[in-house]
Amino acid sequence: EPDITKYLRSTSDLPLLVRMPWTVITYMFTHEGLFHIFFNMIVLWFGGRLFGDLLGDKRMLGNYLLGGLAGLALYIASYNLFPAFAQYTSGSTILGASAAVMAVFIGIASYRPDMVVNLMLFGAVKLKYIALIYVVIDLISVRQGVNSGGHIAHLGGALYGFLAARQLQKGRDWSLGFVSSLERIGNWFNFSRRGRLRVEKRGRGKVHVMQDDAYAASKRERQARIDSILDKISRSGYASPSTEANDILFRARNEPRG
């Protein structure tokens, strides 16, 4: 039976990578073994739920993709610039969502480090401490030589998540900007055009059309309410928002973002 993963995993071998450029994307969606994908999906569910609820699913997608690319870039650079890493593992291929998942989890932990989550067996814990444990494990594992390439990629994804969160706090949105750019490219291929009027859904079947300036003012007001809720969550823990606050966050997560 042919091993199809050899066409989907990526590599630090630059000449081979040039011949298989699609693997820079496919590698972060390809897994080997049930435990491999199960562990990644557990972490993605945990971190992605927090990230999506607070910052939106579109931004989370950007973190995932750019984090996966950052992890691959650090892996390739390390194996080509520091040949000593090659002695810790056989082969020079990589696959799995771990780097992308780390970007999502470290991203939300860096954006809201003092957010409290409740873990089974441990109780209330701040996100920054969970993130620190993950990073330390990867740093130790690189030196132990157990899947060192994979752990280097994890650190690359974590680094992107940290930097993207810091930039977002300064008003520069790398992840959402990346996804918006992909959408514009898709729109260009579909020959679609965006008009000057904005359409805002209100309730069941109700549609309100707004000019750009009115839409921007409404959006700023909603963002101010969201920021207030996020500050309360950071102080009191993720489980604390009221039903109304959860409804506001849910609508913010699912509304289109441009």
Protein backbone atom coordinates (compact mmCIF):
# COMPACT_ATOMS: atom_id res chain seq x y z
CA GLU A 1 0.00 0.00 0.00
CA PRO A 2 1.56 3.35 -1.01
CA ASP A 3 2.43 5.90 1.71
CA ILE A 4 0.50 8.98 0.62
CA THR A 5 1.90 11.04 3.51
CA LYS A 6 5.24 11.34 1.71
CA TYR A 7 3.49 13.69 -0.71
CA LEU A 8 1.92 15.70 2.12
CA ARG A 9 4.67 16.04 4.72
CA SER A 10 7.22 18.83 4.39
CA THR A 11 11.00 18.72 4.62
CA SER A 12 14.15 20.65 5.50
CA ASP A 13 15.70 19.47 2.23
CA LEU A 14 15.47 22.70 0.22
CA PRO A 15 15.83 21.18 -3.29
CA LEU A 16 13.07 18.67 -2.47
CA LEU A 17 10.91 21.41 -0.95
CA VAL A 18 11.16 23.44 -4.16
CA ARG A 19 9.78 20.45 -6.05
CA MET A 20 6.94 19.99 -3.51
CA PRO A 21 5.94 23.54 -2.50
CA TRP A 22 2.39 22.57 -1.51
CA THR A 23 3.76 20.72 1.51
CA VAL A 24 4.32 24.00 3.38
CA ILE A 25 0.52 23.94 3.86
CA THR A 26 -0.39 20.25 3.73
CA TYR A 27 2.13 19.26 6.42
CA MET A 28 0.14 21.11 9.12
CA PHE A 29 -3.01 19.09 8.33
CA THR A 30 -1.35 15.66 8.05
CA HIS A 31 -0.86 13.24 10.96
CA GLU A 32 0.45 9.76 11.61
CA GLY A 33 -1.28 7.72 14.27
CA LEU A 34 -4.43 8.25 16.33
CA PHE A 35 -2.63 9.63 19.38
CA HIS A 36 -0.81 12.23 17.27
CA ILE A 37 -3.98 13.80 15.91
CA PHE A 38 -5.96 13.26 19.14
CA PHE A 39 -3.52 15.22 21.29
CA ASN A 40 -3.31 18.07 18.78
CA MET A 41 -7.09 18.30 18.51
CA ILE A 42 -7.49 18.37 22.30
CA VAL A 43 -5.10 21.32 22.58
CA LEU A 44 -6.71 23.02 19.57
CA TRP A 45 -10.17 22.56 21.08
CA PHE A 46 -9.06 24.04 24.38
CA GLY A 47 -7.03 26.95 23.02
CA GLY A 48 -9.19 27.46 19.94
CA ARG A 49 -12.37 27.78 22.00
CA LEU A 50 -10.84 30.58 24.06
CA PHE A 51 -9.25 32.23 21.02
CA GLY A 52 -12.36 32.03 18.84
CA ASP A 53 -14.73 33.30 21.53
CA LEU A 54 -12.55 36.29 22.42
CA LEU A 55 -10.83 37.22 19.15
CA GLY A 56 -12.89 35.58 16.41
CA ASP A 57 -12.60 32.49 14.27
CA LYS A 58 -11.16 34.33 11.28
CA ARG A 59 -8.26 35.68 13.34
CA MET A 60 -7.75 32.21 14.81
CA LEU A 61 -7.44 30.78 11.28
CA GLY A 62 -4.77 33.36 10.53
CA ASN A 63 -2.88 32.42 13.70
CA TYR A 64 -3.11 28.75 12.77
CA LEU A 65 -1.81 29.16 9.22
CA LEU A 66 0.91 31.71 9.96
CA GLY A 67 1.94 29.82 13.09
CA GLY A 68 2.30 26.64 11.03
CA LEU A 69 4.41 28.49 8.47
CA ALA A 70 6.55 30.06 11.21
CA GLY A 71 7.14 26.66 12.80
CA LEU A 72 8.18 25.19 9.46
CA ALA A 73 10.48 28.16 8.77
CA LEU A 74 12.27 27.74 12.11
CA TYR A 75 12.59 23.99 11.52
CA ILE A 76 14.08 24.48 8.04
CA ALA A 77 16.42 27.24 9.21
CA SER A 78 17.63 25.21 12.19
CA TYR A 79 18.38 22.10 10.17
CA ASN A 80 20.18 24.01 7.44
CA LEU A 81 22.08 26.53 9.58
CA PHE A 82 22.83 24.29 12.57
CA PRO A 83 23.67 20.77 11.33
CA ALA A 84 24.05 19.60 14.95
CA PHE A 85 20.26 19.32 15.14
CA ALA A 86 20.29 16.58 12.51
CA GLN A 87 21.99 14.15 14.89
CA TYR A 88 18.91 14.01 17.12
CA THR A 89 16.54 12.48 14.61
CA SER A 90 16.64 10.35 11.50
CA GLY A 91 15.29 11.84 8.30
CA SER A 92 14.42 15.42 7.56
CA THR A 93 10.65 15.48 7.15
CA ILE A 94 7.93 16.99 9.28
CA LEU A 95 4.16 16.67 9.58
CA GLY A 96 1.46 17.51 12.09
CA ALA A 97 -0.56 20.45 13.35
CA SER A 98 1.44 21.00 16.53
CA ALA A 99 3.23 24.19 15.44
CA ALA A 100 -0.05 25.73 14.21
CA VAL A 101 -1.88 24.63 17.36
CA MET A 102 0.86 26.11 19.53
CA ALA A 103 0.46 29.43 17.71
CA VAL A 104 -3.24 29.47 18.59
CA PHE A 105 -2.79 28.50 22.24
CA ILE A 106 0.27 30.66 22.95
CA GLY A 107 -1.45 33.47 21.05
CA ILE A 108 -4.45 33.63 23.36
CA ALA A 109 -2.27 33.01 26.42
CA SER A 110 -0.06 35.95 25.44
CA TYR A 111 -3.03 38.18 24.68
CA ARG A 112 -4.80 37.42 27.95
CA PRO A 113 -2.07 35.92 30.19
CA ASP A 114 -3.99 36.42 33.45
CA MET A 115 -7.18 34.77 32.24
CA VAL A 116 -8.19 32.04 34.67
CA VAL A 117 -9.34 28.64 33.40
CA ASN A 118 -10.50 25.67 35.43
CA LEU A 119 -8.62 22.43 34.81
CA MET A 120 -9.56 19.01 36.10
CA LEU A 121 -7.30 17.93 38.98
CA PHE A 122 -5.61 21.36 39.14
CA GLY A 123 -8.49 23.79 39.56
CA ALA A 124 -8.15 27.46 38.65
CA VAL A 125 -4.95 28.22 36.70
CA LYS A 126 -3.84 31.29 34.76
CA LEU A 127 -3.23 30.74 31.06
CA LYS A 128 0.32 32.11 31.21
CA TYR A 129 1.44 29.28 33.49
CA ILE A 130 0.01 26.58 31.21
CA ALA A 131 1.71 28.22 28.22
CA LEU A 132 5.02 28.41 30.09
CA ILE A 133 4.90 24.68 30.83
CA TYR A 134 4.35 23.87 27.14
CA VAL A 135 7.27 26.04 26.04
CA VAL A 136 9.64 24.62 28.68
CA ILE A 137 8.75 21.05 27.67
CA ASP A 138 9.60 21.82 24.04
CA LEU A 139 12.88 23.49 24.98
CA ILE A 140 13.91 20.46 27.03
CA SER A 141 12.77 18.02 24.36
CA VAL A 142 14.92 19.66 21.67
CA ARG A 143 18.02 18.87 23.69
CA GLN A 144 16.85 15.33 24.46
CA GLY A 145 16.70 14.58 20.74
CA VAL A 146 13.19 13.08 20.82
CA ASN A 147 11.52 14.46 17.70
CA SER A 148 13.76 17.51 17.94
CA GLY A 149 12.60 18.85 14.56
CA GLY A 150 9.00 18.73 15.69
CA HIS A 151 9.78 20.53 18.94
CA ILE A 152 11.71 23.21 17.06
CA ALA A 153 8.61 23.73 14.91
CA HIS A 154 6.48 23.96 18.08
CA LEU A 155 8.72 26.76 19.32
CA GLY A 156 8.43 28.55 15.98
CA GLY A 157 4.64 28.41 16.19
CA ALA A 158 4.73 29.56 19.81
CA LEU A 159 6.99 32.47 18.86
CA TYR A 160 4.56 33.59 16.17
CA GLY A 161 1.63 33.35 18.59
CA PHE A 162 3.47 35.48 21.14
CA LEU A 163 4.58 38.14 18.64
CA ALA A 164 1.17 38.29 16.94
CA ALA A 165 -0.55 38.84 20.29
CA ARG A 166 1.85 41.64 21.18
CA GLN A 167 1.30 43.28 17.81
CA LEU A 168 -2.48 42.95 18.17
CA GLN A 169 -2.32 44.77 21.49
CA LYS A 170 -0.55 47.59 19.63
CA GLY A 171 -3.24 47.72 16.96
CA ARG A 172 -1.40 45.73 14.26
CA ASP A 173 -3.39 42.64 13.33
CA TRP A 174 -1.12 40.22 11.45
CA SER A 175 -3.45 37.22 11.53
CA LEU A 176 -6.68 38.90 10.51
CA GLY A 177 -4.83 40.92 7.90
CA PHE A 178 -3.43 37.71 6.39
CA VAL A 179 -6.84 36.04 6.14
CA SER A 180 -8.39 39.23 4.76
CA SER A 181 -5.68 39.28 2.09
CA LEU A 182 -6.50 35.70 1.15
CA GLU A 183 -10.17 36.64 0.88
CA ARG A 184 -9.37 39.59 -1.37
CA ILE A 185 -7.36 37.31 -3.63
CA GLY A 186 -10.29 34.89 -3.73
CA ASN A 187 -12.68 37.74 -4.50
CA TRP A 188 -10.42 38.92 -7.29
CA PHE A 189 -10.51 35.49 -8.90
CA ASN A 190 -14.30 35.45 -8.53
CA PHE A 191 -14.53 38.96 -10.01
CA SER A 192 -16.56 40.10 -7.01
CA ARG A 193 -16.72 43.73 -5.92
CA ARG A 194 -17.45 45.28 -2.53
CA GLY A 195 -19.96 48.17 -2.50
CA ARG A 196 -19.99 51.31 -0.40
CA LEU A 197 -23.02 50.24 1.63
CA ARG A 198 -22.74 47.88 4.59
CA VAL A 199 -25.46 45.37 5.48
CA GLU A 200 -25.96 44.56 9.14
CA LYS A 201 -28.26 41.76 10.28
CA ARG A 202 -30.50 42.55 13.23
CA GLY A 203 -32.74 39.83 14.60
CA ARG A 204 -34.60 37.27 12.57
CA GLY A 205 -34.97 38.31 8.96
CA LYS A 206 -34.23 41.98 9.67
CA VAL A 207 -31.58 43.73 7.60
CA HIS A 208 -30.25 47.25 8.19
CA VAL A 209 -28.27 49.08 5.51
CA MET A 210 -25.69 51.61 6.76
CA GLN A 211 -23.28 54.05 5.18
CA ASP A 212 -19.57 53.47 5.86
CA ASP A 213 -19.22 56.20 8.55
CA ALA A 214 -22.30 55.02 10.47
CA TYR A 215 -21.13 51.42 10.16
CA ALA A 216 -17.70 52.34 11.52
CA ALA A 217 -19.24 54.17 14.51
CA SER A 218 -21.47 51.18 15.27
CA LYS A 219 -18.52 48.83 14.99
CA ARG A 220 -16.44 50.95 17.41
CA GLU A 221 -19.26 50.90 19.93
CA ARG A 222 -19.54 47.11 19.73
CA GLN A 223 -15.78 46.75 20.06
CA ALA A 224 -15.80 48.93 23.21
CA ARG A 225 -18.41 46.62 24.78
CA ILE A 226 -16.38 43.55 23.79
CA ASP A 227 -13.19 45.03 25.30
CA SER A 228 -15.04 45.70 28.55
CA ILE A 229 -16.23 42.08 28.67
CA LEU A 230 -12.71 40.79 27.95
CA ASP A 231 -11.28 42.86 30.79
CA LYS A 232 -13.86 41.37 33.15
CA ILE A 233 -13.00 37.86 31.94
CA SER A 234 -9.30 38.45 32.61
CA ARG A 235 -10.06 39.50 36.19
CA SER A 236 -12.73 36.91 37.03
CA GLY A 237 -12.07 33.90 34.83
CA TYR A 238 -13.46 32.55 31.59
CA ALA A 239 -16.57 31.00 33.11
CA SER A 240 -17.80 34.29 34.59
CA PRO A 241 -19.49 36.17 31.67
CA SER A 242 -23.25 36.65 31.93
CA THR A 243 -25.66 35.26 29.37
CA GLU A 244 -25.83 38.68 27.72
CA ALA A 245 -22.03 38.95 27.61
CA ASN A 246 -21.73 35.48 26.12
CA ASP A 247 -24.31 36.44 23.49
CA ILE A 248 -22.32 39.56 22.58
CA LEU A 249 -19.10 37.53 22.27
CA PHE A 250 -20.86 34.88 20.21
CA ARG A 251 -22.22 37.44 17.75
CA ALA A 252 -18.81 39.14 17.54
CA ARG A 253 -17.11 35.82 16.83
CA ASN A 254 -19.47 34.92 14.01
CA GLU A 255 -19.88 38.28 12.29
CA PRO A 256 -17.83 38.94 9.12
CA ARG A 257 -14.61 40.84 9.79
CA GLY A 258 -13.00 43.00 7.16
